[in-house]
Structures are given as C-alpha cells and as structure tokens.
C-alpha cells in the first residue's frame, strides 16, 4: 500500500511543478546593442583576461565600427570554414 501512495504523491507533485513555473514572469529581453554602441565613432573598451592568470587582464579600446568589422570578419571566417568542410565532405563521398 505504501508504494502506491508514494507513487501517487510523486505524480501529484510532478504535475504541480510546471504550473508553478508558469506563474513566474518571463525575463525581459536584453537588447543586443545599447545606445552607446550604435554610434560608429563611439569608443568601447573591453577587458580581456590573460591566459594563465586570474588577475591580469588587458584593456582593448576600439571604435564601434572597428568592433563591428572584427565581428564581421570572424563571422565570415567561420562561415567559410563551414562551407569548406561541406565541400570536402561532398567530394569525399
């Protein structure tokens, strides 16, 4: 008798958990670009942690236009690598 009661209680609890989770408000969406980052001539600085150190970090400052160019170049490299691997896999078949 006890295993049946335990199983019923577990099922009741498991079915109540999603209802509780749905009552919480959804987090507000985070804007990918702030107003300061929209200006292409604005300067943005980023702290980069040095490998092998917990404390040392370098500060790199560039204009938003330069950061965008670097991001675009990185995305293009990644896309080129994926496309190149697809060509190799097709030729290998």
Protein backbone atom coordinates (compact mmCIF):
# COMPACT_ATOMS: atom_id res chain seq x y z
CA UNK A 1 0.00 0.00 0.00
CA UNK A 2 2.80 2.41 0.81
CA UNK A 3 4.46 2.22 -2.65
CA UNK A 4 1.16 3.12 -4.30
CA UNK A 5 0.68 6.15 -2.03
CA UNK A 6 4.27 7.24 -2.65
CA UNK A 7 3.82 6.94 -6.42
CA UNK A 8 0.60 8.98 -6.30
CA UNK A 9 2.29 11.72 -4.25
CA UNK A 10 5.23 11.86 -6.66
CA UNK A 11 2.90 12.16 -9.64
CA UNK A 12 0.86 14.87 -7.91
CA UNK A 13 3.99 16.85 -7.08
CA UNK A 14 5.44 16.44 -10.59
CA UNK A 15 2.23 17.66 -12.20
CA UNK A 16 2.11 20.73 -9.90
CA UNK A 17 5.67 21.88 -10.64
CA UNK A 18 5.03 23.08 -14.25
CA UNK A 19 2.01 25.06 -13.05
CA UNK A 20 4.17 26.87 -10.51
CA UNK A 21 6.90 27.55 -13.07
CA UNK A 22 4.41 29.07 -15.50
CA UNK A 23 3.26 31.66 -12.96
CA UNK A 24 6.65 33.40 -12.88
CA UNK A 25 7.01 36.35 -15.29
CA UNK A 26 9.23 35.90 -18.31
CA UNK A 27 12.56 37.73 -18.17
CA UNK A 28 12.75 40.95 -20.14
CA UNK A 29 14.60 40.64 -23.45
CA UNK A 30 18.10 42.06 -23.40
CA UNK A 31 18.95 44.47 -26.17
CA UNK A 32 21.94 43.30 -28.17
CA UNK A 33 23.15 46.85 -28.79
CA UNK A 34 22.91 49.67 -26.34
CA UNK A 35 22.51 53.28 -27.41
CA UNK A 36 26.22 53.88 -26.80
CA UNK A 37 27.21 51.05 -29.16
CA UNK A 38 25.10 52.34 -32.06
CA UNK A 39 27.34 55.34 -32.71
CA UNK A 40 30.08 54.05 -35.07
CA UNK A 41 32.57 56.67 -33.82
CA UNK A 42 31.96 55.86 -30.16
CA UNK A 43 34.78 54.12 -28.32
CA UNK A 44 34.17 50.88 -26.44
CA UNK A 45 36.73 49.21 -24.20
CA UNK A 46 36.80 45.50 -23.37
CA UNK A 47 38.82 43.80 -20.65
CA UNK A 48 40.40 40.57 -21.89
CA UNK A 49 41.59 38.08 -19.29
CA UNK A 50 45.12 36.88 -19.95
CA UNK A 51 45.50 33.13 -20.27
CA UNK A 52 47.12 31.52 -17.25
CA UNK A 53 46.38 34.37 -14.87
CA UNK A 54 43.46 35.04 -12.58
CA UNK A 55 44.31 38.69 -12.12
CA UNK A 56 45.99 40.06 -15.22
CA UNK A 57 43.77 41.48 -17.88
CA UNK A 58 44.39 43.69 -20.87
CA UNK A 59 42.13 46.55 -21.81
CA UNK A 60 41.44 46.86 -25.53
CA UNK A 61 39.73 50.01 -26.80
CA UNK A 62 38.37 50.36 -30.34
CA UNK A 63 35.64 52.32 -32.04
CA UNK A 64 32.29 50.60 -32.50
CA UNK A 65 32.93 50.50 -36.26
CA UNK A 66 36.20 48.61 -35.66
CA UNK A 67 34.50 46.15 -33.29
CA UNK A 68 31.78 45.56 -35.90
CA UNK A 69 34.40 44.96 -38.64
CA UNK A 70 36.20 42.46 -36.41
CA UNK A 71 32.93 40.65 -35.64
CA UNK A 72 32.01 40.55 -39.34
CA UNK A 73 35.46 39.21 -40.26
CA UNK A 74 35.19 36.50 -37.61
CA UNK A 75 31.71 35.53 -38.80
CA UNK A 76 32.95 35.38 -42.40
CA UNK A 77 35.85 33.12 -41.40
CA UNK A 78 33.51 30.80 -39.54
CA UNK A 79 31.11 30.66 -42.49
CA UNK A 80 33.98 29.97 -44.91
CA UNK A 81 35.25 27.12 -42.71
CA UNK A 82 31.80 25.51 -42.55
CA UNK A 83 31.31 25.83 -46.32
CA UNK A 84 34.78 24.41 -46.98
CA UNK A 85 34.06 21.39 -44.75
CA UNK A 86 30.81 20.80 -46.63
CA UNK A 87 32.64 20.82 -49.97
CA UNK A 88 35.25 18.37 -48.68
CA UNK A 89 32.57 16.03 -47.29
CA UNK A 90 30.67 16.09 -50.59
CA UNK A 91 33.81 15.37 -52.62
CA UNK A 92 34.75 12.56 -50.24
CA UNK A 93 31.52 10.66 -50.84
